[in-house]
């Protein structure tokens, strides 16, 4: 073998091994980058995801402020049942402000507290507000039935399956809102009609999952509840 052939052969092996090493480095870099991304907290993986969380935190804050305003005015007029029903919603919204301002919003005690208070606001809140309307219009039999059903659902839901719990919670919320709508219609309480319709449309049409016209549905739901809560206030005072 000539010296030229020896040098050429070693050069070939060097280039070939160098290419393999470069490919290996690139491959390892990609793997490490993916693992690094997965190890990041949820809020840091995507700035848009964090922005969505913050928008929900803001809408929860506005909802909590509207509840505080409505509750203080209802207490001033001795409307304790409706103030309690909206107060639970305000506590849920306040927990939502904290939850959605955190990087990891899907775990921990704040997450569990927010989920529980949100469920309680749906299960018991409309029934308490409806009972206040029944007191206003002296529909005591209907009021007792509504508050009894809401109380039964609230106390027994923890022993139900997830599907039954959701079903009975929606039934309790729907019954309370429907009674408000009927009573307001019978006595031409336009703010009561508006409040009941907003609650129905917010839950049935807007919902809380996904987006609508580029806006998170959960944020639209919160803003709808703000208008509904103020309408409840004006309907009762």
C-alpha atoms as a PDB file:
ATOM      1  CA  UNK A   1       0.000   0.000   0.000  1.00  0.00           C
ATOM      2  CA  UNK A   2       1.390   3.384  -0.922  1.00  0.00           C
ATOM      3  CA  UNK A   3       1.633   6.279   1.462  1.00  0.00           C
ATOM      4  CA  UNK A   4      -1.002   8.113  -0.587  1.00  0.00           C
ATOM      5  CA  UNK A   5      -3.488   5.232  -0.263  1.00  0.00           C
ATOM      6  CA  UNK A   6      -2.857   5.008   3.493  1.00  0.00           C
ATOM      7  CA  UNK A   7      -3.503   8.732   3.994  1.00  0.00           C
ATOM      8  CA  UNK A   8      -6.594   8.655   1.765  1.00  0.00           C
ATOM      9  CA  UNK A   9      -8.043   5.641   3.651  1.00  0.00           C
ATOM     10  CA  UNK A  10      -7.534   7.209   7.047  1.00  0.00           C
ATOM     11  CA  UNK A  11      -9.042  10.437   5.797  1.00  0.00           C
ATOM     12  CA  UNK A  12     -12.142   8.555   4.613  1.00  0.00           C
ATOM     13  CA  UNK A  13     -12.602   6.803   7.960  1.00  0.00           C
ATOM     14  CA  UNK A  14     -12.109  10.065   9.808  1.00  0.00           C
ATOM     15  CA  UNK A  15     -14.752  11.856   7.728  1.00  0.00           C
ATOM     16  CA  UNK A  16     -17.179   8.958   8.011  1.00  0.00           C
ATOM     17  CA  UNK A  17     -16.818   8.736  11.791  1.00  0.00           C
ATOM     18  CA  UNK A  18     -17.076  12.515  12.095  1.00  0.00           C
ATOM     19  CA  UNK A  19     -20.380  12.478  10.235  1.00  0.00           C
ATOM     20  CA  UNK A  20     -21.665   9.737  12.518  1.00  0.00           C
ATOM     21  CA  UNK A  21     -20.576  11.691  15.581  1.00  0.00           C
ATOM     22  CA  UNK A  22     -22.255  14.865  14.326  1.00  0.00           C
ATOM     23  CA  UNK A  23     -25.482  12.965  13.657  1.00  0.00           C
ATOM     24  CA  UNK A  24     -25.275  11.401  17.115  1.00  0.00           C
ATOM     25  CA  UNK A  25     -24.776  14.789  18.746  1.00  0.00           C
ATOM     26  CA  UNK A  26     -27.724  16.235  16.848  1.00  0.00           C
ATOM     27  CA  UNK A  27     -29.906  13.268  17.818  1.00  0.00           C
ATOM     28  CA  UNK A  28     -28.934  13.506  21.484  1.00  0.00           C
ATOM     29  CA  UNK A  29     -29.514  17.244  21.453  1.00  0.00           C
ATOM     30  CA  UNK A  30     -33.059  16.772  20.154  1.00  0.00           C
ATOM     31  CA  UNK A  31     -33.789  14.121  22.809  1.00  0.00           C
ATOM     32  CA  UNK A  32     -32.401  16.293  25.613  1.00  0.00           C
ATOM     33  CA  UNK A  33     -34.381  19.293  24.367  1.00  0.00           C
ATOM     34  CA  UNK A  34     -37.637  17.318  24.365  1.00  0.00           C
ATOM     35  CA  UNK A  35     -36.975  15.957  27.850  1.00  0.00           C
ATOM     36  CA  UNK A  36     -36.120  19.460  29.047  1.00  0.00           C
ATOM     37  CA  UNK A  37     -39.350  20.828  27.641  1.00  0.00           C
ATOM     38  CA  UNK A  38     -41.387  18.088  29.307  1.00  0.00           C
ATOM     39  CA  UNK A  39     -39.668  18.740  32.634  1.00  0.00           C
ATOM     40  CA  UNK A  40     -40.669  22.399  32.613  1.00  0.00           C
ATOM     41  CA  UNK A  41     -43.688  23.538  34.664  1.00  0.00           C
ATOM     42  CA  UNK A  42     -46.900  23.572  32.676  1.00  0.00           C
ATOM     43  CA  UNK A  43     -47.119  27.354  32.484  1.00  0.00           C
ATOM     44  CA  UNK A  44     -43.603  27.668  30.995  1.00  0.00           C
ATOM     45  CA  UNK A  45     -44.078  25.267  28.109  1.00  0.00           C
ATOM     46  CA  UNK A  46     -46.156  27.776  26.227  1.00  0.00           C
ATOM     47  CA  UNK A  47     -46.518  31.506  26.743  1.00  0.00           C
ATOM     48  CA  UNK A  48     -49.928  31.370  25.068  1.00  0.00           C
ATOM     49  CA  UNK A  49     -51.112  28.802  27.616  1.00  0.00           C
ATOM     50  CA  UNK A  50     -50.011  31.104  30.428  1.00  0.00           C
ATOM     51  CA  UNK A  51     -51.778  34.021  28.763  1.00  0.00           C
ATOM     52  CA  UNK A  52     -54.987  31.974  28.622  1.00  0.00           C
ATOM     53  CA  UNK A  53     -54.680  31.188  32.322  1.00  0.00           C
ATOM     54  CA  UNK A  54     -54.156  34.856  33.166  1.00  0.00           C
ATOM     55  CA  UNK A  55     -57.210  35.903  31.129  1.00  0.00           C
ATOM     56  CA  UNK A  56     -59.305  33.447  33.152  1.00  0.00           C
ATOM     57  CA  UNK A  57     -57.795  34.783  36.363  1.00  0.00           C
ATOM     58  CA  UNK A  58     -58.833  38.304  35.318  1.00  0.00           C
ATOM     59  CA  UNK A  59     -62.386  37.242  34.420  1.00  0.00           C
ATOM     60  CA  UNK A  60     -62.649  35.407  37.760  1.00  0.00           C
ATOM     61  CA  UNK A  61     -61.506  38.569  39.537  1.00  0.00           C
ATOM     62  CA  UNK A  62     -64.182  40.658  37.792  1.00  0.00           C
ATOM     63  CA  UNK A  63     -66.787  38.010  38.676  1.00  0.00           C
ATOM     64  CA  UNK A  64     -65.675  38.045  42.326  1.00  0.00           C
ATOM     65  CA  UNK A  65     -65.967  41.860  42.433  1.00  0.00           C
ATOM     66  CA  UNK A  66     -69.484  41.749  40.981  1.00  0.00           C
ATOM     67  CA  UNK A  67     -70.486  39.151  43.566  1.00  0.00           C
ATOM     68  CA  UNK A  68     -69.075  41.250  46.392  1.00  0.00           C
ATOM     69  CA  UNK A  69     -71.047  44.281  45.204  1.00  0.00           C
ATOM     70  CA  UNK A  70     -74.263  42.270  44.853  1.00  0.00           C
ATOM     71  CA  UNK A  71     -73.873  40.479  48.199  1.00  0.00           C
ATOM     72  CA  UNK A  72     -73.263  43.704  50.137  1.00  0.00           C
ATOM     73  CA  UNK A  73     -76.371  45.287  48.629  1.00  0.00           C
ATOM     74  CA  UNK A  74     -78.481  42.159  49.259  1.00  0.00           C
ATOM     75  CA  UNK A  75     -77.382  42.032  52.890  1.00  0.00           C
ATOM     76  CA  UNK A  76     -78.324  45.682  53.211  1.00  0.00           C
ATOM     77  CA  UNK A  77     -81.868  44.689  52.145  1.00  0.00           C
ATOM     78  CA  UNK A  78     -81.885  41.599  54.423  1.00  0.00           C
ATOM     79  CA  UNK A  79     -81.865  39.159  51.497  1.00  0.00           C
ATOM     80  CA  UNK A  80     -79.749  36.536  53.223  1.00  0.00           C
ATOM     81  CA  UNK A  81     -80.574  33.520  51.041  1.00  0.00           C
ATOM     82  CA  UNK A  82     -79.627  35.125  47.742  1.00  0.00           C
ATOM     83  CA  UNK A  83     -76.571  36.714  49.374  1.00  0.00           C
ATOM     84  CA  UNK A  84     -75.455  33.273  50.551  1.00  0.00           C
ATOM     85  CA  UNK A  85     -76.037  31.711  47.120  1.00  0.00           C
ATOM     86  CA  UNK A  86     -74.019  34.388  45.345  1.00  0.00           C
ATOM     87  CA  UNK A  87     -71.451  34.410  48.139  1.00  0.00           C
ATOM     88  CA  UNK A  88     -70.541  30.786  47.397  1.00  0.00           C
ATOM     89  CA  UNK A  89     -70.011  31.758  43.762  1.00  0.00           C
ATOM     90  CA  UNK A  90     -67.804  34.632  44.892  1.00  0.00           C
ATOM     91  CA  UNK A  91     -65.648  32.287  46.965  1.00  0.00           C
ATOM     92  CA  UNK A  92     -65.288  29.999  43.943  1.00  0.00           C
ATOM     93  CA  UNK A  93     -64.304  32.948  41.742  1.00  0.00           C
ATOM     94  CA  UNK A  94     -61.756  34.119  44.333  1.00  0.00           C
ATOM     95  CA  UNK A  95     -60.210  30.646  44.411  1.00  0.00           C
ATOM     96  CA  UNK A  96     -60.161  30.763  40.594  1.00  0.00           C
ATOM     97  CA  UNK A  97     -58.166  33.999  40.673  1.00  0.00           C
ATOM     98  CA  UNK A  98     -55.472  32.277  42.720  1.00  0.00           C
ATOM     99  CA  UNK A  99     -55.616  29.021  40.776  1.00  0.00           C
ATOM    100  CA  UNK A 100     -55.250  30.492  37.289  1.00  0.00           C
ATOM    101  CA  UNK A 101     -52.461  32.842  38.346  1.00  0.00           C
ATOM    102  CA  UNK A 102     -50.330  29.807  39.268  1.00  0.00           C
ATOM    103  CA  UNK A 103     -48.005  27.951  36.907  1.00  0.00           C
ATOM    104  CA  UNK A 104     -49.467  24.560  37.822  1.00  0.00           C
ATOM    105  CA  UNK A 105     -53.204  25.190  37.905  1.00  0.00           C
ATOM    106  CA  UNK A 106     -54.322  21.549  37.673  1.00  0.00           C
ATOM    107  CA  UNK A 107     -53.065  20.253  41.004  1.00  0.00           C
ATOM    108  CA  UNK A 108     -52.719  21.094  44.679  1.00  0.00           C
ATOM    109  CA  UNK A 109     -55.115  22.308  47.384  1.00  0.00           C
ATOM    110  CA  UNK A 110     -56.064  25.493  45.516  1.00  0.00           C
ATOM    111  CA  UNK A 111     -57.193  23.428  42.526  1.00  0.00           C
ATOM    112  CA  UNK A 112     -59.290  21.119  44.726  1.00  0.00           C
ATOM    113  CA  UNK A 113     -60.792  24.045  46.629  1.00  0.00           C
ATOM    114  CA  UNK A 114     -61.752  25.805  43.406  1.00  0.00           C
ATOM    115  CA  UNK A 115     -63.340  22.664  41.957  1.00  0.00           C
ATOM    116  CA  UNK A 116     -65.348  22.029  45.134  1.00  0.00           C
ATOM    117  CA  UNK A 117     -66.588  25.615  45.486  1.00  0.00           C
ATOM    118  CA  UNK A 118     -67.504  25.759  41.785  1.00  0.00           C
ATOM    119  CA  UNK A 119     -69.554  22.586  42.195  1.00  0.00           C
ATOM    120  CA  UNK A 120     -71.184  23.907  45.380  1.00  0.00           C
ATOM    121  CA  UNK A 121     -72.079  27.189  43.664  1.00  0.00           C
ATOM    122  CA  UNK A 122     -73.834  25.232  40.898  1.00  0.00           C
ATOM    123  CA  UNK A 123     -75.574  22.762  43.215  1.00  0.00           C
ATOM    124  CA  UNK A 124     -76.768  25.109  45.976  1.00  0.00           C
ATOM    125  CA  UNK A 125     -76.450  28.659  44.616  1.00  0.00           C
ATOM    126  CA  UNK A 126     -79.436  28.805  42.214  1.00  0.00           C
ATOM    127  CA  UNK A 127     -81.651  27.091  44.783  1.00  0.00           C
ATOM    128  CA  UNK A 128     -80.841  29.714  47.417  1.00  0.00           C
ATOM    129  CA  UNK A 129     -81.417  32.557  44.962  1.00  0.00           C
ATOM    130  CA  UNK A 130     -84.669  30.943  43.835  1.00  0.00           C
ATOM    131  CA  UNK A 131     -85.826  30.651  47.456  1.00  0.00           C
ATOM    132  CA  UNK A 132     -85.266  34.399  47.863  1.00  0.00           C
ATOM    133  CA  UNK A 133     -87.546  35.020  44.876  1.00  0.00           C
ATOM    134  CA  UNK A 134     -90.149  32.699  46.420  1.00  0.00           C
ATOM    135  CA  UNK A 135     -90.026  34.751  49.630  1.00  0.00           C
ATOM    136  CA  UNK A 136     -90.413  37.944  47.611  1.00  0.00           C
ATOM    137  CA  UNK A 137     -93.532  36.683  45.844  1.00  0.00           C
ATOM    138  CA  UNK A 138     -94.823  34.533  48.749  1.00  0.00           C
ATOM    139  CA  UNK A 139     -94.581  31.266  46.817  1.00  0.00           C
ATOM    140  CA  UNK A 140     -93.624  29.358  49.935  1.00  0.00           C
ATOM    141  CA  UNK A 141     -94.588  25.844  48.837  1.00  0.00           C
ATOM    142  CA  UNK A 142     -92.472  26.136  45.702  1.00  0.00           C
ATOM    143  CA  UNK A 143     -89.676  27.700  47.698  1.00  0.00           C
ATOM    144  CA  UNK A 144     -89.611  24.834  50.205  1.00  0.00           C
ATOM    145  CA  UNK A 145     -89.482  22.281  47.401  1.00  0.00           C
ATOM    146  CA  UNK A 146     -86.618  24.062  45.634  1.00  0.00           C
ATOM    147  CA  UNK A 147     -84.513  24.563  48.755  1.00  0.00           C
ATOM    148  CA  UNK A 148     -85.165  20.996  49.913  1.00  0.00           C
ATOM    149  CA  UNK A 149     -84.070  19.544  46.579  1.00  0.00           C
ATOM    150  CA  UNK A 150     -80.940  21.733  46.501  1.00  0.00           C
ATOM    151  CA  UNK A 151     -80.083  20.687  50.050  1.00  0.00           C
ATOM    152  CA  UNK A 152     -80.642  17.008  49.284  1.00  0.00           C
ATOM    153  CA  UNK A 153     -78.384  17.155  46.225  1.00  0.00           C
ATOM    154  CA  UNK A 154     -75.687  19.038  48.124  1.00  0.00           C
ATOM    155  CA  UNK A 155     -75.635  16.577  51.023  1.00  0.00           C
ATOM    156  CA  UNK A 156     -75.922  13.353  49.034  1.00  0.00           C
ATOM    157  CA  UNK A 157     -73.816  14.156  45.957  1.00  0.00           C
ATOM    158  CA  UNK A 158     -70.610  13.003  47.651  1.00  0.00           C
ATOM    159  CA  UNK A 159     -72.008   9.469  47.750  1.00  0.00           C
ATOM    160  CA  UNK A 160     -73.007   9.430  44.067  1.00  0.00           C
ATOM    161  CA  UNK A 161     -71.065   8.299  41.049  1.00  0.00           C
ATOM    162  CA  UNK A 162     -69.469  11.047  38.947  1.00  0.00           C
ATOM    163  CA  UNK A 163     -72.178  10.833  36.268  1.00  0.00           C
ATOM    164  CA  UNK A 164     -75.050  10.934  38.781  1.00  0.00           C
ATOM    165  CA  UNK A 165     -73.409  13.787  40.674  1.00  0.00           C
ATOM    166  CA  UNK A 166     -73.185  15.830  37.480  1.00  0.00           C
ATOM    167  CA  UNK A 167     -76.781  14.970  36.532  1.00  0.00           C
ATOM    168  CA  UNK A 168     -78.297  15.929  39.892  1.00  0.00           C
ATOM    169  CA  UNK A 169     -76.173  19.087  40.133  1.00  0.00           C
ATOM    170  CA  UNK A 170     -77.476  20.238  36.749  1.00  0.00           C
ATOM    171  CA  UNK A 171     -81.019  19.342  37.821  1.00  0.00           C
ATOM    172  CA  UNK A 172     -80.735  21.398  41.007  1.00  0.00           C
ATOM    173  CA  UNK A 173     -79.250  24.367  39.159  1.00  0.00           C
ATOM    174  CA  UNK A 174     -81.821  24.127  36.373  1.00  0.00           C
ATOM    175  CA  UNK A 175     -84.782  23.855  38.752  1.00  0.00           C
ATOM    176  CA  UNK A 176     -83.732  26.924  40.723  1.00  0.00           C
ATOM    177  CA  UNK A 177     -83.177  28.996  37.587  1.00  0.00           C
ATOM    178  CA  UNK A 178     -86.457  27.828  36.034  1.00  0.00           C
ATOM    179  CA  UNK A 179     -88.450  28.855  39.132  1.00  0.00           C
ATOM    180  CA  UNK A 180     -86.854  32.311  39.005  1.00  0.00           C
ATOM    181  CA  UNK A 181     -87.788  32.618  35.330  1.00  0.00           C
ATOM    182  CA  UNK A 182     -91.412  31.560  35.912  1.00  0.00           C
ATOM    183  CA  UNK A 183     -91.944  33.817  38.936  1.00  0.00           C
ATOM    184  CA  UNK A 184     -90.307  36.772  37.213  1.00  0.00           C
ATOM    185  CA  UNK A 185     -92.473  36.207  34.149  1.00  0.00           C
ATOM    186  CA  UNK A 186     -95.669  36.004  36.216  1.00  0.00           C
ATOM    187  CA  UNK A 187     -94.891  39.261  38.058  1.00  0.00           C
ATOM    188  CA  UNK A 188     -93.279  41.086  35.096  1.00  0.00           C
ATOM    189  CA  UNK A 189     -89.899  41.318  36.794  1.00  0.00           C
ATOM    190  CA  UNK A 190     -87.806  42.032  33.720  1.00  0.00           C
ATOM    191  CA  UNK A 191     -84.478  41.976  35.516  1.00  0.00           C
ATOM    192  CA  UNK A 192     -85.362  38.579  36.963  1.00  0.00           C
ATOM    193  CA  UNK A 193     -86.229  37.288  33.485  1.00  0.00           C
ATOM    194  CA  UNK A 194     -82.969  38.683  32.118  1.00  0.00           C
ATOM    195  CA  UNK A 195     -80.926  37.138  34.941  1.00  0.00           C
ATOM    196  CA  UNK A 196     -82.510  33.696  34.512  1.00  0.00           C
ATOM    197  CA  UNK A 197     -82.066  33.740  30.732  1.00  0.00           C
ATOM    198  CA  UNK A 198     -78.435  34.795  31.048  1.00  0.00           C
ATOM    199  CA  UNK A 199     -77.744  31.949  33.476  1.00  0.00           C
ATOM    200  CA  UNK A 200     -79.463  29.442  31.179  1.00  0.00           C
ATOM    201  CA  UNK A 201     -77.686  30.661  28.040  1.00  0.00           C
ATOM    202  CA  UNK A 202     -74.318  30.893  29.791  1.00  0.00           C
ATOM    203  CA  UNK A 203     -74.487  27.281  30.858  1.00  0.00           C
ATOM    204  CA  UNK A 204     -76.232  25.707  27.880  1.00  0.00           C
ATOM    205  CA  UNK A 205     -74.853  27.747  24.960  1.00  0.00           C
ATOM    206  CA  UNK A 206     -71.525  29.231  26.035  1.00  0.00           C
ATOM    207  CA  UNK A 207     -70.256  26.466  28.303  1.00  0.00           C
ATOM    208  CA  UNK A 208     -66.741  26.374  29.721  1.00  0.00           C
ATOM    209  CA  UNK A 209     -64.656  24.354  27.245  1.00  0.00           C
ATOM    210  CA  UNK A 210     -62.871  25.656  24.155  1.00  0.00           C
ATOM    211  CA  UNK A 211     -63.123  29.038  22.469  1.00  0.00           C
ATOM    212  CA  UNK A 212     -65.816  31.162  20.849  1.00  0.00           C
ATOM    213  CA  UNK A 213     -64.794  33.854  18.367  1.00  0.00           C
ATOM    214  CA  UNK A 214     -61.233  33.663  19.647  1.00  0.00           C
ATOM    215  CA  UNK A 215     -62.241  34.138  23.304  1.00  0.00           C
ATOM    216  CA  UNK A 216     -62.137  31.411  25.916  1.00  0.00           C
ATOM    217  CA  UNK A 217     -65.641  30.145  26.664  1.00  0.00           C
ATOM    218  CA  UNK A 218     -64.885  30.062  30.378  1.00  0.00           C
ATOM    219  CA  UNK A 219     -64.128  33.806  30.257  1.00  0.00           C
ATOM    220  CA  UNK A 220     -67.366  34.500  28.380  1.00  0.00           C
ATOM    221  CA  UNK A 221     -69.179  32.411  30.984  1.00  0.00           C
ATOM    222  CA  UNK A 222     -67.711  34.518  33.772  1.00  0.00           C
ATOM    223  CA  UNK A 223     -68.688  37.795  32.081  1.00  0.00           C
ATOM    224  CA  UNK A 224     -72.170  36.434  31.486  1.00  0.00           C
ATOM    225  CA  UNK A 225     -72.479  35.592  35.179  1.00  0.00           C
ATOM    226  CA  UNK A 226     -71.393  39.145  36.039  1.00  0.00           C
ATOM    227  CA  UNK A 227     -74.351  40.551  34.094  1.00  0.00           C
ATOM    228  CA  UNK A 228     -76.631  37.860  35.523  1.00  0.00           C
ATOM    229  CA  UNK A 229     -75.611  38.606  39.104  1.00  0.00           C
ATOM    230  CA  UNK A 230     -76.239  42.336  38.701  1.00  0.00           C
ATOM    231  CA  UNK A 231     -79.612  41.529  37.147  1.00  0.00           C
ATOM    232  CA  UNK A 232     -80.459  39.324  40.148  1.00  0.00           C
ATOM    233  CA  UNK A 233     -79.561  42.223  42.424  1.00  0.00           C
ATOM    234  CA  UNK A 234     -81.767  44.679  40.553  1.00  0.00           C
ATOM    235  CA  UNK A 235     -84.585  42.137  40.397  1.00  0.00           C
ATOM    236  CA  UNK A 236     -84.629  41.622  44.174  1.00  0.00           C
ATOM    237  CA  UNK A 237     -84.073  45.203  45.329  1.00  0.00           C
END
